[in-house]
Amino acid sequence: MDGSCVATSFRIPEQVLTSSGQRMQLLGFGTAAHPPVTPEVVKQAILQAIELGYRHFDTAYIYGTEQPLGEAIVEAISLGLIKSRDELFITTKLWCSDAYGELVLPQLRKSLQNLNMEYVDLYLIHWPVSTKQGRYEFPVPKEEISPMDFGSVWAAMEDCQRLGLTKSIGVSNFSCKKLADILALAKIPPAVNQVEFNPLWNQKKLREYCKANGVLLIGYSPLGASGTLWGSSRVLENEVLKEIAEAKGKTVAQICLKWAFEEGVGVIVKSFNVERMKQNLEILDWSLSEEERKRIGDLPQSRGCTGESFVSENGTFKTIKEFWDGE
């Protein structure tokens, strides 16, 4: 560390997860990098984030960032930035090629080995489909996708929680119908559903369903995943959001994050730029007006990245609605 980061006094709001009673910061630091960066870059960004006050970190086996996250945490303890790993909330995810009942527990053990941890705080099913075993690639070839056996996979996820290898379990990219399939058979209900969420894809129906069933919605790509192969700059370039940001003396990114908080949604932010890391925290001491929230709520809605980011067919991104949506 070069000492350029100064610890902030910001207190990030927390939420209690209904299925475990855990407290989780509603602003998480994402580690998925597109295009990929070196493990050292990831590690240094995480160290800077810890120094700034982030305590919730989101990774996944498919991201390839579990190991640098684990290394960063060890170094953060040695530097005195935190006293122990227990001060952090760590999320990782089960990739589709391991979404088979007999593979769930062994795969979590691999992730724990990568992270150099005895447990994670939250383990998510990454997508509601299974793919060919042993293949870790993204996007996924269409011909390798198959429906997931929710019964065996979720039972294995529950075993992971009972064994103490994860404190909570949940899902990601699940529609209302797919979430209902899990809830119908779950002995331990999912604590979280992590999905694409931003002012131009506000997931109103899914939010209401999750709230009614005690599932916390966590949003990724809150700024539209600008700079990735599947995202766009449409959120950051939206004229209504730009007008609100200018009037309040804030950035469009800050408006998006503040709006998400005020809608009761947790958010995963991803920036390895220190100044933007700080800006993402500077959303806690001001509010949007009722008129501003209404203007944002009235924005035309269309899915940005999720629907076209998962499947490859003939070298192009495709939507596989019969597997993903199910609504």
Protein backbone atom coordinates (compact mmCIF):
# COMPACT_ATOMS: atom_id res chain seq x y z
CA MET A 1 0.00 0.00 0.00
CA ASP A 2 1.25 3.47 -0.85
CA GLY A 3 -0.68 5.34 1.81
CA SER A 4 -2.75 7.26 -0.75
CA CYS A 5 -6.01 5.89 0.68
CA VAL A 6 -7.37 7.50 3.80
CA ALA A 7 -9.88 5.56 5.86
CA THR A 8 -13.34 7.10 5.62
CA SER A 9 -15.86 7.77 8.35
CA PHE A 10 -18.74 6.51 6.22
CA ARG A 11 -20.96 3.93 7.83
CA ILE A 12 -22.40 1.70 5.15
CA PRO A 13 -25.99 0.60 5.90
CA GLU A 14 -26.49 -3.04 6.79
CA GLN A 15 -29.30 -5.55 6.36
CA VAL A 16 -30.08 -8.59 8.46
CA LEU A 17 -30.51 -11.71 6.31
CA THR A 18 -33.72 -13.46 7.29
CA SER A 19 -32.55 -17.06 6.94
CA SER A 20 -29.40 -16.70 9.06
CA GLY A 21 -29.61 -13.50 11.09
CA GLN A 22 -26.32 -12.29 9.61
CA ARG A 23 -25.66 -8.59 9.07
CA MET A 24 -24.50 -7.65 5.59
CA GLN A 25 -23.34 -4.29 4.25
CA LEU A 26 -25.68 -3.17 1.48
CA LEU A 27 -22.78 -1.82 -0.57
CA GLY A 28 -20.56 -4.67 -1.73
CA PHE A 29 -17.28 -4.49 -3.61
CA GLY A 30 -17.31 -6.59 -6.79
CA THR A 31 -14.22 -8.36 -8.12
CA ALA A 32 -15.35 -9.46 -11.60
CA ALA A 33 -13.05 -7.70 -14.07
CA HIS A 34 -13.86 -7.35 -17.77
CA PRO A 35 -11.54 -7.27 -19.55
CA PRO A 36 -9.49 -9.41 -17.12
CA VAL A 37 -6.72 -7.83 -15.07
CA THR A 38 -3.81 -9.43 -13.24
CA PRO A 39 -4.31 -11.00 -9.80
CA GLU A 40 -1.98 -8.36 -8.34
CA VAL A 41 -4.21 -5.56 -9.61
CA VAL A 42 -7.23 -7.26 -8.03
CA LYS A 43 -5.39 -7.76 -4.76
CA GLN A 44 -4.26 -4.13 -4.52
CA ALA A 45 -7.75 -2.85 -5.34
CA ILE A 46 -9.23 -4.98 -2.56
CA LEU A 47 -6.65 -3.70 -0.09
CA GLN A 48 -7.52 -0.14 -1.04
CA ALA A 49 -11.22 -0.93 -0.68
CA ILE A 50 -10.70 -2.38 2.81
CA GLU A 51 -8.74 0.72 3.81
CA LEU A 52 -11.60 2.92 2.60
CA GLY A 53 -14.17 1.02 4.65
CA TYR A 54 -15.63 -1.65 2.38
CA ARG A 55 -16.35 -4.85 4.28
CA HIS A 56 -18.55 -6.82 1.86
CA PHE A 57 -16.69 -8.49 -1.04
CA ASP A 58 -18.24 -10.38 -3.93
CA THR A 59 -16.38 -12.99 -5.96
CA ALA A 60 -17.09 -16.23 -7.86
CA TYR A 61 -15.16 -19.28 -8.97
CA ILE A 62 -15.63 -18.31 -12.62
CA TYR A 63 -14.17 -14.83 -12.02
CA GLY A 64 -10.76 -16.20 -11.08
CA THR A 65 -10.56 -13.67 -8.23
CA GLU A 66 -11.04 -15.88 -5.20
CA GLN A 67 -7.32 -16.37 -4.65
CA PRO A 68 -6.29 -12.68 -4.88
CA LEU A 69 -9.20 -11.81 -2.57
CA GLY A 70 -7.95 -14.31 -0.01
CA GLU A 71 -4.39 -13.01 -0.32
CA ALA A 72 -5.57 -9.42 0.08
CA ILE A 73 -7.42 -10.29 3.29
CA VAL A 74 -4.33 -11.95 4.77
CA GLU A 75 -2.29 -8.86 3.93
CA ALA A 76 -4.98 -6.53 5.29
CA ILE A 77 -4.79 -8.32 8.63
CA SER A 78 -1.00 -8.14 8.68
CA LEU A 79 -1.16 -4.40 7.92
CA GLY A 80 -3.66 -3.84 10.72
CA LEU A 81 -6.44 -2.66 8.39
CA ILE A 82 -8.74 -5.25 9.97
CA LYS A 83 -8.27 -7.49 13.00
CA SER A 84 -9.61 -10.70 11.48
CA ARG A 85 -11.39 -12.23 8.52
CA ASP A 86 -14.57 -12.24 10.65
CA GLU A 87 -14.92 -8.47 10.12
CA LEU A 88 -15.68 -9.11 6.44
CA PHE A 89 -18.67 -10.48 4.57
CA ILE A 90 -17.51 -12.71 1.69
CA THR A 91 -19.76 -13.94 -1.12
CA THR A 92 -18.77 -16.50 -3.74
CA LYS A 93 -20.77 -18.47 -6.30
CA LEU A 94 -21.30 -21.95 -7.71
CA TRP A 95 -20.65 -22.03 -11.44
CA CYS A 96 -23.08 -23.82 -13.78
CA SER A 97 -20.75 -26.70 -14.64
CA ASP A 98 -20.74 -27.63 -10.95
CA ALA A 99 -24.50 -27.17 -10.53
CA TYR A 100 -25.12 -30.86 -9.86
CA GLY A 101 -26.06 -32.22 -6.45
CA GLU A 102 -22.91 -34.32 -6.01
CA LEU A 103 -20.56 -31.49 -7.09
CA VAL A 104 -21.82 -28.60 -4.94
CA LEU A 105 -19.98 -29.42 -1.71
CA PRO A 106 -16.65 -30.35 -3.40
CA GLN A 107 -16.79 -27.12 -5.40
CA LEU A 108 -17.37 -24.97 -2.32
CA ARG A 109 -14.36 -26.66 -0.72
CA LYS A 110 -12.30 -25.65 -3.79
CA SER A 111 -13.47 -22.07 -3.41
CA LEU A 112 -12.59 -22.08 0.28
CA GLN A 113 -9.15 -23.41 -0.59
CA ASN A 114 -8.71 -20.58 -3.11
CA LEU A 115 -9.84 -18.05 -0.54
CA ASN A 116 -7.78 -19.62 2.25
CA MET A 117 -10.87 -19.54 4.48
CA GLU A 118 -12.83 -21.95 6.64
CA TYR A 119 -16.17 -20.48 5.58
CA VAL A 120 -17.82 -17.89 3.36
CA ASP A 121 -20.69 -15.72 4.48
CA LEU A 122 -22.86 -16.26 1.41
CA TYR A 123 -22.80 -18.96 -1.28
CA LEU A 124 -24.93 -18.38 -4.38
CA ILE A 125 -26.05 -20.51 -7.32
CA HIS A 126 -24.63 -18.33 -10.09
CA TRP A 127 -27.28 -19.03 -12.77
CA PRO A 128 -30.45 -21.20 -12.81
CA VAL A 129 -29.04 -23.66 -15.36
CA SER A 130 -26.49 -26.46 -15.48
CA THR A 131 -23.80 -26.82 -18.12
CA LYS A 132 -21.34 -29.47 -19.17
CA GLN A 133 -19.29 -30.68 -16.20
CA GLY A 134 -15.66 -29.62 -16.11
CA ARG A 135 -16.09 -26.67 -18.49
CA TYR A 136 -15.40 -23.21 -17.09
CA GLU A 137 -16.03 -20.72 -19.84
CA PHE A 138 -18.13 -17.65 -20.40
CA PRO A 139 -20.22 -17.17 -22.45
CA VAL A 140 -21.51 -20.72 -22.47
CA PRO A 141 -22.06 -22.64 -25.73
CA LYS A 142 -25.80 -23.04 -26.25
CA GLU A 143 -25.58 -26.78 -26.82
CA GLU A 144 -24.01 -27.34 -23.38
CA ILE A 145 -26.94 -25.86 -21.38
CA SER A 146 -29.49 -28.03 -19.62
CA PRO A 147 -32.21 -27.47 -16.98
CA MET A 148 -30.93 -27.63 -13.41
CA ASP A 149 -32.17 -30.26 -10.98
CA PHE A 150 -33.15 -27.71 -8.35
CA GLY A 151 -34.03 -30.40 -5.78
CA SER A 152 -30.59 -32.03 -5.60
CA VAL A 153 -28.62 -28.80 -6.03
CA TRP A 154 -30.52 -26.84 -3.38
CA ALA A 155 -30.38 -29.77 -0.94
CA ALA A 156 -26.59 -29.75 -1.37
CA MET A 157 -26.51 -25.98 -0.84
CA GLU A 158 -28.43 -26.50 2.42
CA ASP A 159 -25.85 -29.12 3.45
CA CYS A 160 -23.11 -26.53 2.89
CA GLN A 161 -24.85 -24.20 5.34
CA ARG A 162 -25.51 -26.93 7.90
CA LEU A 163 -21.83 -27.90 7.80
CA GLY A 164 -20.82 -24.31 8.53
CA LEU A 165 -18.93 -23.89 5.25
CA THR A 166 -21.21 -20.97 4.44
CA LYS A 167 -23.27 -18.87 6.82
CA SER A 168 -26.03 -18.24 4.27
CA ILE A 169 -27.10 -19.52 0.86
CA GLY A 170 -28.86 -17.86 -2.03
CA VAL A 171 -29.28 -17.55 -5.77
CA SER A 172 -28.31 -15.24 -8.61
CA ASN A 173 -30.06 -14.39 -11.88
CA PHE A 174 -33.28 -16.10 -10.77
CA SER A 175 -36.64 -14.89 -12.11
CA CYS A 176 -39.84 -14.98 -10.03
CA LYS A 177 -40.73 -18.40 -11.42
CA LYS A 178 -37.28 -19.89 -10.86
CA LEU A 179 -37.20 -18.46 -7.33
CA ALA A 180 -40.64 -19.95 -6.67
CA ASP A 181 -39.30 -23.35 -7.74
CA ILE A 182 -36.57 -23.09 -5.07
CA LEU A 183 -38.89 -21.77 -2.37
CA ALA A 184 -41.31 -24.63 -2.95
CA LEU A 185 -38.73 -27.25 -1.98
CA ALA A 186 -36.38 -25.34 0.34
CA LYS A 187 -35.96 -26.30 3.99
CA ILE A 188 -33.58 -23.31 4.26
CA PRO A 189 -34.90 -20.53 2.01
CA PRO A 190 -32.49 -18.44 -0.07
CA ALA A 191 -31.34 -15.33 1.76
CA VAL A 192 -30.45 -13.38 -1.38
CA ASN A 193 -31.21 -13.13 -5.09
CA GLN A 194 -28.46 -11.23 -6.93
CA VAL A 195 -29.57 -9.88 -10.31
CA GLU A 196 -28.97 -7.13 -12.84
CA PHE A 197 -30.42 -3.93 -11.42
CA ASN A 198 -30.23 -0.27 -12.42
CA PRO A 199 -32.62 2.63 -13.13
CA LEU A 200 -33.27 1.31 -16.67
CA TRP A 201 -33.97 -2.24 -15.44
CA ASN A 202 -35.52 -1.78 -12.02
CA GLN A 203 -36.86 -5.34 -11.54
CA LYS A 204 -40.07 -4.04 -9.96
CA LYS A 205 -41.98 -7.33 -10.19
CA LEU A 206 -39.03 -9.36 -8.91
CA ARG A 207 -38.36 -6.91 -6.10
CA GLU A 208 -41.93 -7.19 -4.89
CA TYR A 209 -41.80 -10.99 -5.06
CA CYS A 210 -38.51 -11.16 -3.17
CA LYS A 211 -39.73 -8.77 -0.47
CA ALA A 212 -42.92 -10.78 0.01
CA ASN A 213 -40.84 -13.94 0.50
CA GLY A 214 -38.10 -12.56 2.74
CA VAL A 215 -35.41 -12.69 0.06
CA LEU A 216 -33.06 -9.68 -0.17
CA LEU A 217 -32.49 -8.39 -3.68
CA ILE A 218 -28.88 -7.49 -4.46
CA GLY A 219 -28.17 -5.62 -7.68
CA TYR A 220 -25.15 -5.98 -9.92
CA SER A 221 -24.31 -3.79 -12.93
CA PRO A 222 -25.92 -0.77 -11.20
CA LEU A 223 -24.38 1.47 -13.86
CA GLY A 224 -25.21 -0.78 -16.82
CA ALA A 225 -21.88 -2.65 -17.07
CA SER A 226 -20.33 0.01 -19.27
CA GLY A 227 -17.07 -1.14 -20.85
CA THR A 228 -17.91 -4.86 -20.93
CA LEU A 229 -18.74 -6.94 -24.00
CA TRP A 230 -22.40 -7.29 -22.96
CA GLY A 231 -23.08 -4.01 -21.18
CA SER A 232 -23.44 -0.46 -22.47
CA SER A 233 -23.15 3.18 -21.44
CA ARG A 234 -26.90 3.74 -21.73
CA VAL A 235 -27.33 4.25 -17.98
CA LEU A 236 -24.45 6.67 -17.59
CA GLU A 237 -25.58 8.61 -20.68
CA ASN A 238 -29.27 8.81 -19.74
CA GLU A 239 -30.39 12.44 -19.95
CA VAL A 240 -32.77 12.30 -16.98
CA LEU A 241 -30.09 10.84 -14.72
CA LYS A 242 -27.57 13.41 -15.97
CA GLU A 243 -30.00 16.25 -15.22
CA ILE A 244 -30.62 15.00 -11.68
CA ALA A 245 -26.89 14.52 -11.10
CA GLU A 246 -26.07 18.03 -12.29
CA ALA A 247 -28.79 19.58 -10.14
CA LYS A 248 -27.49 17.81 -7.03
CA GLY A 249 -23.80 18.27 -7.76
CA LYS A 250 -23.29 14.50 -7.91
CA THR A 251 -22.16 12.00 -10.53
CA VAL A 252 -24.64 9.84 -12.45
CA ALA A 253 -23.07 6.83 -10.74
CA GLN A 254 -23.81 8.31 -7.31
CA ILE A 255 -27.42 9.00 -8.32
CA CYS A 256 -27.84 5.37 -9.43
CA LEU A 257 -26.38 3.97 -6.22
CA LYS A 258 -28.35 6.32 -3.98
CA TRP A 259 -31.58 5.47 -5.82
CA ALA A 260 -30.91 1.74 -5.32
CA PHE A 261 -30.38 2.25 -1.59
CA GLU A 262 -33.59 4.23 -1.29
CA GLU A 263 -35.43 1.45 -3.12
CA GLY A 264 -34.25 -1.01 -0.45
CA VAL A 265 -31.86 -2.89 -2.71
CA GLY A 266 -28.27 -3.85 -1.92
CA VAL A 267 -25.69 -3.07 -4.59
CA ILE A 268 -22.45 -4.61 -5.83
CA VAL A 269 -20.14 -1.92 -7.19
CA LYS A 270 -16.99 -2.62 -9.15
CA SER A 271 -14.24 -0.09 -9.68
CA PHE A 272 -10.53 -0.57 -9.21
CA ASN A 273 -10.04 3.22 -9.44
CA VAL A 274 -9.46 4.67 -5.96
CA GLU A 275 -11.26 7.95 -6.62
CA ARG A 276 -14.36 6.16 -7.90
CA MET A 277 -14.19 3.78 -4.92
CA LYS A 278 -14.41 6.87 -2.69
CA GLN A 279 -17.22 8.40 -4.75
CA ASN A 280 -19.22 5.19 -4.43
CA LEU A 281 -19.11 5.64 -0.65
CA GLU A 282 -20.14 9.29 -0.80
CA ILE A 283 -23.85 8.55 -1.14
CA LEU A 284 -24.81 8.17 2.48
CA ASP A 285 -25.31 11.74 3.74
CA TRP A 286 -27.86 13.10 1.24
CA SER A 287 -31.18 12.05 -0.27
CA LEU A 288 -33.11 12.13 -3.51
CA SER A 289 -36.33 14.13 -3.48
CA GLU A 290 -39.71 12.51 -4.08
CA GLU A 291 -39.85 14.21 -7.49
CA GLU A 292 -36.39 12.91 -8.42
CA ARG A 293 -37.29 9.37 -7.39
CA LYS A 294 -40.48 9.60 -9.46
CA ARG A 295 -38.54 10.75 -12.53
CA ILE A 296 -36.18 7.80 -12.16
CA GLY A 297 -39.07 5.42 -11.54
CA ASP A 298 -40.77 6.58 -14.74
CA LEU A 299 -37.77 5.81 -16.98
CA PRO A 300 -38.49 3.33 -19.83
CA GLN A 301 -37.43 -0.18 -18.85
CA SER A 302 -35.38 -2.70 -20.82
CA ARG A 303 -32.91 -5.38 -19.78
CA GLY A 304 -29.35 -4.34 -20.44
CA CYS A 305 -26.73 -7.01 -19.97
CA THR A 306 -28.10 -10.12 -18.32
CA GLY A 307 -30.33 -11.41 -21.09
CA GLU A 308 -27.59 -11.36 -23.68
CA SER A 309 -24.51 -12.06 -21.63
CA PHE A 310 -24.73 -15.72 -20.87
CA VAL A 311 -24.94 -17.83 -24.00
CA SER A 312 -22.75 -18.06 -27.07
CA GLU A 313 -24.08 -19.33 -30.38
CA ASN A 314 -21.85 -19.19 -33.43
CA GLY A 315 -19.54 -16.78 -31.65
CA THR A 316 -22.21 -14.23 -30.73
CA PHE A 317 -24.13 -13.48 -27.54
CA LYS A 318 -27.65 -14.85 -27.50
CA THR A 319 -30.61 -14.85 -25.14
CA ILE A 320 -31.87 -18.22 -23.93
CA LYS A 321 -35.16 -17.13 -22.38
CA GLU A 322 -36.59 -20.61 -21.89
CA PHE A 323 -33.83 -21.35 -19.35
CA TRP A 324 -33.31 -17.95 -17.79
CA ASP A 325 -36.60 -16.10 -17.59
CA GLY A 326 -39.26 -18.71 -17.04
CA GLU A 327 -41.69 -15.96 -16.08
